[in-house]
Amino acid sequence: MKPMPELFKNLALFRIFAARPAAEFIRLETETEFKSREAQLGVVFECALDAIAELDQDFGVLLMNPSVRQLFDAGPV
């Protein structure tokens, strides 16, 4: 069995180091898209005419939109 030519060793090493920035770029791009979508959903949540609330297992309010506050006259949070 012949040893791997130096050119192939260098190419393999280059590919390993090139993969890291590519993966980081994809992660950052995905994170940006996620934050954008989260902001869009936040606007929908705040502007919805339906009362939307998130409760914990003891029925404590974790999150509520302005329609819930208006429905129960809870005032601003």
C-alpha atoms as a PDB file:
ATOM      1  CA  MET A   1       0.000   0.000   0.000  1.00  0.00           C
ATOM      2  CA  LYS A   2       1.405   3.384  -1.008  1.00  0.00           C
ATOM      3  CA  PRO A   3       1.270   6.372   1.331  1.00  0.00           C
ATOM      4  CA  MET A   4      -1.185   9.118   0.460  1.00  0.00           C
ATOM      5  CA  PRO A   5       0.356  11.786  -1.790  1.00  0.00           C
ATOM      6  CA  GLU A   6       1.105  15.070  -0.017  1.00  0.00           C
ATOM      7  CA  LEU A   7      -1.342  16.943  -2.273  1.00  0.00           C
ATOM      8  CA  PHE A   8      -4.250  14.773  -1.105  1.00  0.00           C
ATOM      9  CA  LYS A   9      -3.234  15.159   2.548  1.00  0.00           C
ATOM     10  CA  ASN A  10      -3.275  18.926   2.171  1.00  0.00           C
ATOM     11  CA  LEU A  11      -6.586  18.870   0.316  1.00  0.00           C
ATOM     12  CA  ALA A  12      -8.220  16.715   2.998  1.00  0.00           C
ATOM     13  CA  LEU A  13      -6.938  19.034   5.724  1.00  0.00           C
ATOM     14  CA  PHE A  14      -8.152  22.075   3.811  1.00  0.00           C
ATOM     15  CA  ARG A  15     -11.633  20.552   3.464  1.00  0.00           C
ATOM     16  CA  ILE A  16     -11.798  19.875   7.195  1.00  0.00           C
ATOM     17  CA  PHE A  17     -10.937  23.479   8.047  1.00  0.00           C
ATOM     18  CA  ALA A  18     -13.210  24.864   5.304  1.00  0.00           C
ATOM     19  CA  ALA A  19     -16.199  22.917   6.635  1.00  0.00           C
ATOM     20  CA  ARG A  20     -16.182  24.778   9.969  1.00  0.00           C
ATOM     21  CA  PRO A  21     -16.815  28.300   8.570  1.00  0.00           C
ATOM     22  CA  ALA A  22     -19.439  26.894   6.205  1.00  0.00           C
ATOM     23  CA  ALA A  23     -21.271  25.267   9.120  1.00  0.00           C
ATOM     24  CA  GLU A  24     -21.008  28.485  11.149  1.00  0.00           C
ATOM     25  CA  PHE A  25     -22.421  30.493   8.245  1.00  0.00           C
ATOM     26  CA  ILE A  26     -25.390  28.126   7.966  1.00  0.00           C
ATOM     27  CA  ARG A  27     -25.956  28.337  11.739  1.00  0.00           C
ATOM     28  CA  LEU A  28     -25.921  32.146  11.698  1.00  0.00           C
ATOM     29  CA  GLU A  29     -28.229  32.261   8.689  1.00  0.00           C
ATOM     30  CA  THR A  30     -30.667  29.874  10.388  1.00  0.00           C
ATOM     31  CA  GLU A  31     -30.533  31.884  13.619  1.00  0.00           C
ATOM     32  CA  THR A  32     -31.296  35.108  11.722  1.00  0.00           C
ATOM     33  CA  GLU A  33     -34.275  33.487   9.991  1.00  0.00           C
ATOM     34  CA  PHE A  34     -35.508  32.138  13.336  1.00  0.00           C
ATOM     35  CA  LYS A  35     -35.317  35.559  15.010  1.00  0.00           C
ATOM     36  CA  SER A  36     -37.135  37.164  12.086  1.00  0.00           C
ATOM     37  CA  ARG A  37     -39.930  34.589  12.257  1.00  0.00           C
ATOM     38  CA  GLU A  38     -40.125  34.981  16.027  1.00  0.00           C
ATOM     39  CA  ALA A  39     -40.560  38.751  15.609  1.00  0.00           C
ATOM     40  CA  GLN A  40     -43.309  38.224  13.025  1.00  0.00           C
ATOM     41  CA  LEU A  41     -45.168  35.853  15.333  1.00  0.00           C
ATOM     42  CA  GLY A  42     -44.767  38.332  18.191  1.00  0.00           C
ATOM     43  CA  VAL A  43     -46.568  40.979  16.137  1.00  0.00           C
ATOM     44  CA  VAL A  44     -49.364  38.528  15.307  1.00  0.00           C
ATOM     45  CA  PHE A  45     -49.646  37.594  18.999  1.00  0.00           C
ATOM     46  CA  GLU A  46     -49.813  41.218  20.153  1.00  0.00           C
ATOM     47  CA  CYS A  47     -52.282  42.305  17.449  1.00  0.00           C
ATOM     48  CA  ALA A  48     -54.624  39.295  17.538  1.00  0.00           C
ATOM     49  CA  LEU A  49     -58.219  40.113  18.401  1.00  0.00           C
ATOM     50  CA  ASP A  50     -58.575  36.650  19.950  1.00  0.00           C
ATOM     51  CA  ALA A  51     -57.567  36.305  23.587  1.00  0.00           C
ATOM     52  CA  ILE A  52     -54.386  34.205  23.699  1.00  0.00           C
ATOM     53  CA  ALA A  53     -52.770  33.140  26.964  1.00  0.00           C
ATOM     54  CA  GLU A  54     -50.145  30.631  28.049  1.00  0.00           C
ATOM     55  CA  LEU A  55     -50.701  28.989  31.417  1.00  0.00           C
ATOM     56  CA  ASP A  56     -48.423  26.833  33.553  1.00  0.00           C
ATOM     57  CA  GLN A  57     -49.475  23.524  35.109  1.00  0.00           C
ATOM     58  CA  ASP A  58     -51.025  25.367  38.073  1.00  0.00           C
ATOM     59  CA  PHE A  59     -52.972  27.641  35.700  1.00  0.00           C
ATOM     60  CA  GLY A  60     -50.763  30.615  36.473  1.00  0.00           C
ATOM     61  CA  VAL A  61     -50.508  33.041  33.582  1.00  0.00           C
ATOM     62  CA  LEU A  62     -47.115  32.910  31.888  1.00  0.00           C
ATOM     63  CA  LEU A  63     -47.998  35.037  28.880  1.00  0.00           C
ATOM     64  CA  MET A  64     -51.048  36.914  27.652  1.00  0.00           C
ATOM     65  CA  ASN A  65     -51.812  39.215  24.772  1.00  0.00           C
ATOM     66  CA  PRO A  66     -53.623  42.572  25.036  1.00  0.00           C
ATOM     67  CA  SER A  67     -56.978  40.952  24.199  1.00  0.00           C
ATOM     68  CA  VAL A  68     -56.764  38.847  27.382  1.00  0.00           C
ATOM     69  CA  ARG A  69     -55.971  41.948  29.419  1.00  0.00           C
ATOM     70  CA  GLN A  70     -58.944  43.733  27.878  1.00  0.00           C
ATOM     71  CA  LEU A  71     -61.249  40.725  28.350  1.00  0.00           C
ATOM     72  CA  PHE A  72     -60.427  40.436  32.043  1.00  0.00           C
ATOM     73  CA  ASP A  73     -59.749  44.149  32.551  1.00  0.00           C
ATOM     74  CA  ALA A  74     -56.284  43.189  33.789  1.00  0.00           C
ATOM     75  CA  GLY A  75     -54.636  46.465  32.826  1.00  0.00           C
ATOM     76  CA  PRO A  76     -51.110  46.800  31.441  1.00  0.00           C
ATOM     77  CA  VAL A  77     -48.387  44.346  32.440  1.00  0.00           C
END
